[in-house]
Each structure stands twice: as structure tokens, then as C-alpha cells.
């Protein structure tokens, strides 16, 4: 009888130890997920005045311009990822990357993500060219134009 009680106590102690050793791991996982969410920048989008006219061609191009420094960019056209990569602005030109999207008439949804942020829907069906700039205060500034502005 003594041996049964001792074995029972040993088994219960081992079982209890195993259950408690898993709890900190779960808490650490939750903390890591919370830290990951906290590290995603919170961007605000500002739309500048549109400079679009009715004589547009059926093309669409995104231009990532000023303020990018090894930033991760994702571009989605009609729900499908069409570009993913890191970009950096050429300080002389004020230009980082262009993404050709094809015919404007075939685009029903256009969105971007910057550094894992939330998705920003930026489609303007009246303008061919979309210019995207990022400033130091996590502001995304978007300008639309129906004419290409050359980089010197």
C-alpha cells in the first residue's frame, strides 16, 4: 500500500510539472505576436489634388517616389499580388520604383502595403499615373495625374 501511494505521488508530481512547463511558452508566444503587431507602422494616407483630364490613355502605372529607404512594398491588382520587394529612393532623382499595371480599364481594385502595414486601397479610375511618397511622420502622400511627370 505504501508503494502505491509513493508511486501515485511521483506520477502526479511529474504530470503537474509537465503541465506547468508549457504555460510560459504560451505566454511568450502571445507576447511575441503582440510585439510583432506593435512593430507594424501605423500609416496615414493623404490624397493630394487630382490633376486628371478626360484625354487619358488606357494605361496605369504606380510611381514610388520620395522617402523610401529599404522599405518592403506589396502591390495588389484585382486582389492578386503583382509586386513584392524592398525599395529605396534614389535621392538625386527622387524616384524609387515604378510598377506597370496594364490597362486602367481592367483594374477594379488597386491596393498597397508598406512594411507589413494594413492594406491601402488607392485606385482612381480617372487617372493613369499614381505617385506615392512617404514622409518621416509615417504619412503616405498620394497624387494622381493623367500625364507622366519625367524625372530629371
N, C-alpha and C. Protein backbone atom coordinates (compact mmCIF):
# COMPACT_ATOMS: atom_id res chain seq x y z
N UNK A 1 0.81 -1.19 0.00
CA UNK A 1 0.00 0.00 0.00
C UNK A 1 0.86 1.26 0.00
N UNK A 2 1.98 1.22 0.80
CA UNK A 2 2.87 2.37 0.85
C UNK A 2 3.45 2.68 -0.53
N UNK A 3 3.83 1.63 -1.23
CA UNK A 3 4.45 1.83 -2.54
C UNK A 3 3.47 2.42 -3.55
N UNK A 4 2.23 2.03 -3.47
CA UNK A 4 1.21 2.59 -4.37
C UNK A 4 1.04 4.07 -4.13
N UNK A 5 1.04 4.50 -2.89
CA UNK A 5 0.90 5.94 -2.57
C UNK A 5 2.11 6.73 -3.04
N UNK A 6 3.29 6.17 -2.87
CA UNK A 6 4.52 6.84 -3.30
C UNK A 6 4.56 6.96 -4.82
N UNK A 7 4.21 5.89 -5.50
CA UNK A 7 4.20 5.91 -6.97
C UNK A 7 3.14 6.90 -7.47
N UNK A 8 1.99 6.91 -6.83
CA UNK A 8 0.93 7.85 -7.21
C UNK A 8 1.40 9.30 -7.04
N UNK A 9 2.08 9.60 -5.93
CA UNK A 9 2.60 10.94 -5.69
C UNK A 9 3.64 11.32 -6.74
N UNK A 10 4.52 10.40 -7.10
CA UNK A 10 5.54 10.67 -8.11
C UNK A 10 4.89 10.93 -9.47
N UNK A 11 3.94 10.11 -9.84
CA UNK A 11 3.25 10.28 -11.13
C UNK A 11 2.51 11.61 -11.18
N UNK A 12 1.82 11.97 -10.12
CA UNK A 12 1.10 13.25 -10.08
C UNK A 12 2.06 14.43 -10.13
N UNK A 13 3.20 14.33 -9.48
CA UNK A 13 4.20 15.41 -9.49
C UNK A 13 4.77 15.60 -10.90
N UNK A 14 5.10 14.50 -11.57
CA UNK A 14 5.62 14.59 -12.95
C UNK A 14 4.56 15.18 -13.87
N UNK A 15 3.33 14.72 -13.75
CA UNK A 15 2.24 15.23 -14.58
C UNK A 15 2.02 16.72 -14.36
N UNK A 16 2.01 17.15 -13.09
CA UNK A 16 1.82 18.55 -12.77
C UNK A 16 2.98 19.40 -13.30
N UNK A 17 4.20 18.90 -13.21
CA UNK A 17 5.38 19.62 -13.71
C UNK A 17 5.32 19.80 -15.22
N UNK A 18 4.88 18.77 -15.92
CA UNK A 18 4.79 18.85 -17.38
C UNK A 18 3.73 19.87 -17.81
N UNK A 19 2.61 19.89 -17.12
CA UNK A 19 1.55 20.84 -17.47
C UNK A 19 1.98 22.27 -17.21
N UNK A 20 2.68 22.54 -16.15
CA UNK A 20 3.10 23.90 -15.81
C UNK A 20 4.26 24.38 -16.68
N UNK A 21 5.07 23.48 -17.21
CA UNK A 21 6.20 23.90 -18.03
C UNK A 21 5.74 24.45 -19.37
N UNK A 22 4.54 24.11 -19.84
CA UNK A 22 4.02 24.60 -21.11
C UNK A 22 3.44 26.00 -21.01
N UNK A 23 3.00 26.41 -19.83
CA UNK A 23 2.32 27.69 -19.69
C UNK A 23 3.19 28.89 -20.06
N UNK A 24 4.44 29.00 -19.61
CA UNK A 24 5.25 30.15 -20.01
C UNK A 24 5.48 30.22 -21.52
N UNK A 25 5.59 29.09 -22.18
CA UNK A 25 5.80 29.10 -23.62
C UNK A 25 4.62 29.73 -24.32
N UNK A 26 3.41 29.44 -23.88
CA UNK A 26 2.21 30.03 -24.49
C UNK A 26 2.21 31.53 -24.27
N UNK A 27 2.56 31.97 -23.05
CA UNK A 27 2.59 33.40 -22.77
C UNK A 27 3.65 34.09 -23.62
N UNK A 28 4.82 33.47 -23.80
CA UNK A 28 5.87 34.05 -24.64
C UNK A 28 5.41 34.17 -26.08
N UNK A 29 4.68 33.18 -26.57
CA UNK A 29 4.17 33.23 -27.94
C UNK A 29 3.21 34.40 -28.11
N UNK A 30 2.34 34.59 -27.14
CA UNK A 30 1.39 35.70 -27.19
C UNK A 30 2.15 37.02 -27.16
N UNK A 31 3.17 37.14 -26.30
CA UNK A 31 3.96 38.37 -26.24
C UNK A 31 4.68 38.64 -27.55
N UNK A 32 5.22 37.59 -28.18
CA UNK A 32 5.91 37.77 -29.45
C UNK A 32 4.94 38.25 -30.53
N UNK A 33 3.73 37.68 -30.55
CA UNK A 33 2.74 38.11 -31.53
C UNK A 33 2.34 39.56 -31.28
N UNK A 34 2.18 39.95 -30.00
CA UNK A 34 1.82 41.32 -29.67
C UNK A 34 2.94 42.27 -30.07
N UNK A 35 4.20 41.88 -29.81
CA UNK A 35 5.34 42.71 -30.21
C UNK A 35 5.41 42.87 -31.72
N UNK A 36 5.11 41.79 -32.44
CA UNK A 36 5.12 41.86 -33.91
C UNK A 36 4.06 42.84 -34.40
N UNK A 37 2.86 42.80 -33.82
CA UNK A 37 1.80 43.74 -34.21
C UNK A 37 2.17 45.17 -33.85
N UNK A 38 2.80 45.36 -32.68
CA UNK A 38 3.21 46.70 -32.27
C UNK A 38 4.30 47.26 -33.17
N UNK A 39 5.09 46.39 -33.80
CA UNK A 39 6.19 46.86 -34.64
C UNK A 39 5.73 47.26 -36.05
N UNK A 40 4.48 46.96 -36.41
CA UNK A 40 3.95 47.35 -37.72
C UNK A 40 3.62 48.83 -37.67
N UNK A 41 4.22 49.61 -38.56
CA UNK A 41 3.97 51.05 -38.54
C UNK A 41 2.50 51.39 -38.81
N UNK A 42 2.05 52.46 -38.20
CA UNK A 42 0.69 52.95 -38.40
C UNK A 42 0.78 54.15 -39.35
N UNK A 43 0.39 53.93 -40.60
CA UNK A 43 0.48 54.97 -41.61
C UNK A 43 -0.84 55.70 -41.76
N UNK A 44 -0.75 56.96 -42.15
CA UNK A 44 -1.92 57.75 -42.50
C UNK A 44 -1.78 58.14 -43.97
N UNK A 45 -2.88 58.09 -44.71
CA UNK A 45 -2.84 58.38 -46.14
C UNK A 45 -3.45 59.75 -46.39
N UNK A 46 -2.74 60.54 -47.20
CA UNK A 46 -3.22 61.85 -47.61
C UNK A 46 -3.27 61.89 -49.14
N UNK A 47 -4.39 62.29 -49.68
CA UNK A 47 -4.57 62.37 -51.12
C UNK A 47 -4.44 63.83 -51.55
N UNK A 48 -3.49 64.08 -52.45
CA UNK A 48 -3.35 65.43 -52.99
C UNK A 48 -4.38 65.65 -54.09
N UNK A 49 -4.52 66.88 -54.50
CA UNK A 49 -5.48 67.24 -55.54
C UNK A 49 -5.17 66.45 -56.83
N UNK A 50 -6.22 65.91 -57.43
CA UNK A 50 -6.07 65.17 -58.69
C UNK A 50 -5.81 66.13 -59.84
N UNK A 51 -4.90 65.73 -60.71
CA UNK A 51 -4.63 66.51 -61.91
C UNK A 51 -4.90 65.61 -63.10
N UNK A 52 -6.17 65.35 -63.32
CA UNK A 52 -6.55 64.40 -64.37
C UNK A 52 -7.44 65.09 -65.38
N UNK A 53 -7.27 64.70 -66.64
CA UNK A 53 -8.14 65.22 -67.69
C UNK A 53 -8.82 64.07 -68.41
N UNK A 54 -9.75 64.39 -69.26
CA UNK A 54 -10.55 63.36 -69.93
C UNK A 54 -9.81 62.68 -71.07
N UNK A 55 -8.71 63.21 -71.55
CA UNK A 55 -7.98 62.65 -72.68
C UNK A 55 -6.91 61.66 -72.22
N UNK A 56 -7.31 60.74 -71.40
CA UNK A 56 -6.32 59.80 -70.87
C UNK A 56 -6.20 58.55 -71.75
N UNK A 57 -5.04 57.93 -71.69
CA UNK A 57 -4.83 56.66 -72.39
C UNK A 57 -5.20 55.54 -71.41
N UNK A 58 -5.44 54.36 -71.94
CA UNK A 58 -5.85 53.24 -71.12
C UNK A 58 -4.63 52.49 -70.57
N UNK A 59 -3.87 53.18 -69.71
CA UNK A 59 -2.72 52.58 -69.04
C UNK A 59 -2.75 52.99 -67.57
N UNK A 60 -2.03 52.25 -66.75
CA UNK A 60 -1.94 52.59 -65.34
C UNK A 60 -0.55 52.23 -64.83
N UNK A 61 0.08 53.19 -64.14
CA UNK A 61 1.43 52.98 -63.59
C UNK A 61 1.49 53.61 -62.20
N UNK A 62 2.11 52.89 -61.28
CA UNK A 62 2.40 53.43 -59.94
C UNK A 62 3.84 53.89 -59.91
N UNK A 63 4.08 55.03 -59.30
CA UNK A 63 5.44 55.53 -59.11
C UNK A 63 5.68 55.73 -57.61
N UNK A 64 6.60 54.96 -57.06
CA UNK A 64 7.02 55.15 -55.68
C UNK A 64 8.18 56.15 -55.75
N UNK A 65 8.01 57.27 -55.09
CA UNK A 65 8.98 58.35 -55.25
C UNK A 65 9.82 58.55 -53.98
N UNK A 66 9.59 59.63 -53.28
CA UNK A 66 10.46 60.08 -52.21
C UNK A 66 10.16 59.40 -50.87
N UNK A 67 11.19 59.23 -50.05
CA UNK A 67 11.04 58.80 -48.67
C UNK A 67 11.20 57.32 -48.40
N UNK A 68 11.51 56.54 -49.40
CA UNK A 68 11.64 55.09 -49.20
C UNK A 68 13.10 54.74 -48.93
N UNK A 69 13.31 53.94 -47.89
CA UNK A 69 14.66 53.53 -47.50
C UNK A 69 14.62 52.06 -47.09
N UNK A 70 14.83 51.19 -48.06
CA UNK A 70 14.79 49.75 -47.84
C UNK A 70 13.44 49.31 -47.26
N UNK A 71 12.36 49.91 -47.77
CA UNK A 71 11.01 49.61 -47.31
C UNK A 71 10.42 48.46 -48.11
N UNK A 72 9.69 47.58 -47.43
CA UNK A 72 9.00 46.46 -48.09
C UNK A 72 7.69 46.96 -48.67
N UNK A 73 7.50 46.69 -49.95
CA UNK A 73 6.31 47.15 -50.66
C UNK A 73 5.60 45.95 -51.26
N UNK A 74 4.28 45.96 -51.16
CA UNK A 74 3.45 44.98 -51.84
C UNK A 74 2.37 45.74 -52.61
N UNK A 75 2.15 45.33 -53.86
CA UNK A 75 1.12 45.96 -54.70
C UNK A 75 0.15 44.86 -55.12
N UNK A 76 -1.14 45.14 -54.95
CA UNK A 76 -2.19 44.19 -55.29
C UNK A 76 -3.10 44.80 -56.35
N UNK A 77 -3.31 44.07 -57.43
CA UNK A 77 -4.21 44.49 -58.51
C UNK A 77 -5.31 43.46 -58.62
N UNK A 78 -6.55 43.89 -58.46
CA UNK A 78 -7.71 42.99 -58.51
C UNK A 78 -7.54 41.80 -57.56
N UNK A 79 -6.97 42.07 -56.38
CA UNK A 79 -6.82 41.04 -55.35
C UNK A 79 -5.60 40.15 -55.49
N UNK A 80 -4.82 40.30 -56.56
CA UNK A 80 -3.63 39.47 -56.76
C UNK A 80 -2.38 40.31 -56.59
N UNK A 81 -1.37 39.72 -55.93
CA UNK A 81 -0.11 40.43 -55.71
C UNK A 81 0.63 40.51 -57.03
N UNK A 82 0.95 41.74 -57.47
CA UNK A 82 1.67 41.93 -58.73
C UNK A 82 3.10 42.42 -58.51
N UNK A 83 3.41 42.87 -57.29
CA UNK A 83 4.77 43.26 -56.97
C UNK A 83 4.99 43.09 -55.48
N UNK A 84 6.19 42.60 -55.14
CA UNK A 84 6.61 42.49 -53.75
C UNK A 84 8.12 42.65 -53.73
N UNK A 85 8.60 43.58 -52.93
CA UNK A 85 10.04 43.77 -52.83
C UNK A 85 10.39 44.95 -51.95
N UNK A 86 11.69 45.13 -51.76
CA UNK A 86 12.19 46.27 -50.98
C UNK A 86 12.66 47.35 -51.95
N UNK A 87 12.33 48.59 -51.61
CA UNK A 87 12.72 49.70 -52.48
C UNK A 87 13.39 50.81 -51.68
N UNK A 88 14.24 51.55 -52.37
CA UNK A 88 14.94 52.70 -51.79
C UNK A 88 14.93 53.83 -52.80
N UNK A 89 14.65 55.03 -52.33
CA UNK A 89 14.61 56.20 -53.19
C UNK A 89 16.01 56.62 -53.62
N UNK A 90 16.17 56.86 -54.92
CA UNK A 90 17.39 57.48 -55.45
C UNK A 90 17.27 58.97 -55.11
N UNK A 91 18.11 59.45 -54.22
CA UNK A 91 17.98 60.83 -53.73
C UNK A 91 18.19 61.89 -54.82
N UNK A 92 18.96 61.55 -55.83
CA UNK A 92 19.19 62.51 -56.92
C UNK A 92 17.93 62.67 -57.75
N UNK A 93 17.29 61.57 -58.08
CA UNK A 93 16.08 61.61 -58.91
C UNK A 93 14.80 61.79 -58.12
N UNK A 94 14.79 61.39 -56.85
CA UNK A 94 13.55 61.40 -56.08
C UNK A 94 12.61 60.30 -56.55
N UNK A 95 13.18 59.18 -56.96
CA UNK A 95 12.41 58.08 -57.53
C UNK A 95 12.92 56.76 -56.96
N UNK A 96 11.98 55.85 -56.62
CA UNK A 96 12.37 54.56 -56.07
C UNK A 96 12.00 53.40 -56.99
N UNK A 97 10.76 53.35 -57.48
CA UNK A 97 10.30 52.19 -58.25
C UNK A 97 9.04 52.55 -59.01
N UNK A 98 8.91 51.96 -60.21
CA UNK A 98 7.64 52.07 -60.94
C UNK A 98 7.07 50.67 -61.11
N UNK A 99 5.75 50.59 -61.08
CA UNK A 99 5.06 49.32 -61.26
C UNK A 99 4.01 49.52 -62.34
N UNK A 100 4.24 48.90 -63.51
CA UNK A 100 3.28 48.99 -64.60
C UNK A 100 2.14 48.02 -64.35
N UNK A 101 0.92 48.51 -64.46
CA UNK A 101 -0.25 47.71 -64.10
C UNK A 101 -1.10 47.30 -65.30
N UNK A 102 -0.74 47.72 -66.48
CA UNK A 102 -1.52 47.37 -67.67
C UNK A 102 -2.63 48.37 -67.93
N UNK A 103 -3.73 47.88 -68.48
CA UNK A 103 -4.84 48.76 -68.85
C UNK A 103 -5.64 49.19 -67.62
N UNK A 104 -5.86 50.49 -67.50
CA UNK A 104 -6.63 51.04 -66.40
C UNK A 104 -8.06 50.50 -66.40
N UNK A 105 -8.61 50.27 -67.59
CA UNK A 105 -9.99 49.80 -67.71
C UNK A 105 -10.19 48.39 -67.14
N UNK A 106 -9.12 47.63 -66.96
CA UNK A 106 -9.24 46.27 -66.44
C UNK A 106 -9.03 46.18 -64.93
N UNK A 107 -8.75 47.31 -64.30
CA UNK A 107 -8.46 47.31 -62.86
C UNK A 107 -9.73 47.69 -62.09
N UNK A 108 -10.14 46.77 -61.20
CA UNK A 108 -11.31 47.06 -60.36
C UNK A 108 -10.91 47.35 -58.92
N UNK A 109 -9.69 46.96 -58.54
CA UNK A 109 -9.20 47.22 -57.19
C UNK A 109 -7.68 47.32 -57.24
N UNK A 110 -7.15 48.32 -56.56
CA UNK A 110 -5.71 48.54 -56.50
C UNK A 110 -5.35 48.92 -55.07
N UNK A 111 -4.40 48.19 -54.49
CA UNK A 111 -4.02 48.49 -53.11
C UNK A 111 -2.53 48.23 -52.90
N UNK A 112 -2.02 48.84 -51.83
CA UNK A 112 -0.61 48.67 -51.47
C UNK A 112 -0.49 48.39 -49.98
N UNK A 113 0.63 47.77 -49.62
CA UNK A 113 1.05 47.61 -48.22
C UNK A 113 2.49 48.10 -48.14
N UNK A 114 2.80 48.80 -47.08
CA UNK A 114 4.16 49.28 -46.85
C UNK A 114 4.63 48.73 -45.51
N UNK A 115 5.72 47.99 -45.53
CA UNK A 115 6.33 47.41 -44.33
C UNK A 115 5.33 46.61 -43.50
N UNK A 116 4.51 45.81 -44.17
CA UNK A 116 3.57 44.95 -43.47
C UNK A 116 2.37 45.66 -42.88
N UNK A 117 2.14 46.90 -43.30
CA UNK A 117 1.02 47.67 -42.77
C UNK A 117 -0.31 47.11 -43.23
N UNK A 118 -1.37 47.76 -42.80
CA UNK A 118 -2.68 47.42 -43.32
C UNK A 118 -2.69 47.75 -44.81
N UNK A 119 -3.66 47.22 -45.52
CA UNK A 119 -3.76 47.42 -46.96
C UNK A 119 -4.47 48.74 -47.23
N UNK A 120 -3.89 49.55 -48.14
CA UNK A 120 -4.49 50.83 -48.52
C UNK A 120 -5.01 50.72 -49.94
N UNK A 121 -6.29 51.01 -50.13
CA UNK A 121 -6.91 50.97 -51.46
C UNK A 121 -6.73 52.34 -52.10
N UNK A 122 -6.08 52.36 -53.26
CA UNK A 122 -5.65 53.63 -53.84
C UNK A 122 -6.11 53.84 -55.28
N UNK A 123 -7.05 53.04 -55.75
CA UNK A 123 -7.46 53.13 -57.15
C UNK A 123 -8.20 54.43 -57.42
N UNK A 124 -7.80 55.09 -58.51
CA UNK A 124 -8.51 56.24 -59.05
C UNK A 124 -8.74 55.93 -60.53
N UNK A 125 -9.97 55.63 -60.90
CA UNK A 125 -10.30 55.19 -62.26
C UNK A 125 -10.19 56.32 -63.29
N UNK A 126 -9.93 57.54 -62.85
CA UNK A 126 -9.88 58.67 -63.76
C UNK A 126 -8.46 59.14 -64.06
N UNK A 127 -7.46 58.52 -63.42
CA UNK A 127 -6.08 58.96 -63.60
C UNK A 127 -5.18 57.78 -63.94
N UNK A 128 -4.29 58.00 -64.88
CA UNK A 128 -3.38 56.95 -65.32
C UNK A 128 -2.20 56.72 -64.39
N UNK A 129 -1.71 57.78 -63.80
CA UNK A 129 -0.47 57.71 -63.04
C UNK A 129 -0.73 58.02 -61.57
N UNK A 130 -0.20 57.16 -60.70
CA UNK A 130 -0.34 57.34 -59.26
C UNK A 130 1.06 57.50 -58.68
N UNK A 131 1.27 58.62 -57.98
CA UNK A 131 2.58 58.94 -57.39
C UNK A 131 2.48 58.79 -55.88
N UNK A 132 3.36 57.96 -55.31
CA UNK A 132 3.30 57.64 -53.89
C UNK A 132 4.59 58.10 -53.22
N UNK A 133 4.44 58.90 -52.16
CA UNK A 133 5.57 59.39 -51.39
C UNK A 133 5.36 59.04 -49.93
N UNK A 134 6.46 58.87 -49.22
CA UNK A 134 6.42 58.52 -47.80
C UNK A 134 7.25 59.54 -47.05
N UNK A 135 6.64 60.17 -46.02
CA UNK A 135 7.44 61.13 -45.27
C UNK A 135 7.83 60.57 -43.91
N UNK A 136 8.61 61.32 -43.16
CA UNK A 136 9.16 60.85 -41.89
C UNK A 136 8.12 60.61 -40.81
N UNK A 137 6.96 61.17 -40.95
CA UNK A 137 5.91 61.03 -39.93
C UNK A 137 4.93 59.92 -40.27
N UNK A 138 5.38 58.93 -41.05
CA UNK A 138 4.53 57.80 -41.47
C UNK A 138 3.29 58.26 -42.22
N UNK A 139 3.45 59.31 -43.00
CA UNK A 139 2.36 59.77 -43.86
C UNK A 139 2.63 59.30 -45.28
N UNK A 140 1.64 58.66 -45.86
CA UNK A 140 1.71 58.28 -47.26
C UNK A 140 0.95 59.34 -48.05
N UNK A 141 1.66 59.99 -48.95
CA UNK A 141 1.06 61.06 -49.74
C UNK A 141 0.88 60.55 -51.16
N UNK A 142 -0.37 60.58 -51.63
CA UNK A 142 -0.69 60.05 -52.95
C UNK A 142 -1.19 61.18 -53.84
N UNK A 143 -0.61 61.25 -55.03
CA UNK A 143 -1.04 62.24 -56.03
C UNK A 143 -1.39 61.49 -57.30
N UNK A 144 -2.42 61.95 -57.98
CA UNK A 144 -2.87 61.33 -59.23
C UNK A 144 -2.69 62.33 -60.36
N UNK A 145 -2.36 61.80 -61.55
CA UNK A 145 -2.18 62.66 -62.71
C UNK A 145 -2.49 61.83 -63.95
N UNK A 146 -2.95 62.48 -64.99
CA UNK A 146 -3.17 61.76 -66.25
C UNK A 146 -2.00 61.99 -67.20
N UNK A 147 -0.99 62.68 -66.73
CA UNK A 147 0.22 62.91 -67.53
C UNK A 147 1.44 62.46 -66.75
N UNK A 148 2.39 61.91 -67.49
CA UNK A 148 3.63 61.47 -66.89
C UNK A 148 4.51 62.66 -66.57
N UNK A 149 5.05 62.70 -65.36
CA UNK A 149 5.97 63.76 -64.95
C UNK A 149 7.38 63.17 -65.00
N UNK A 150 8.23 63.61 -65.95
CA UNK A 150 9.56 63.00 -66.10
C UNK A 150 10.47 63.30 -64.91
N UNK A 151 11.37 62.36 -64.64
CA UNK A 151 12.37 62.53 -63.60
C UNK A 151 13.65 63.01 -64.28
N UNK A 152 14.20 64.08 -63.77
CA UNK A 152 15.42 64.64 -64.38
C UNK A 152 16.65 64.08 -63.75
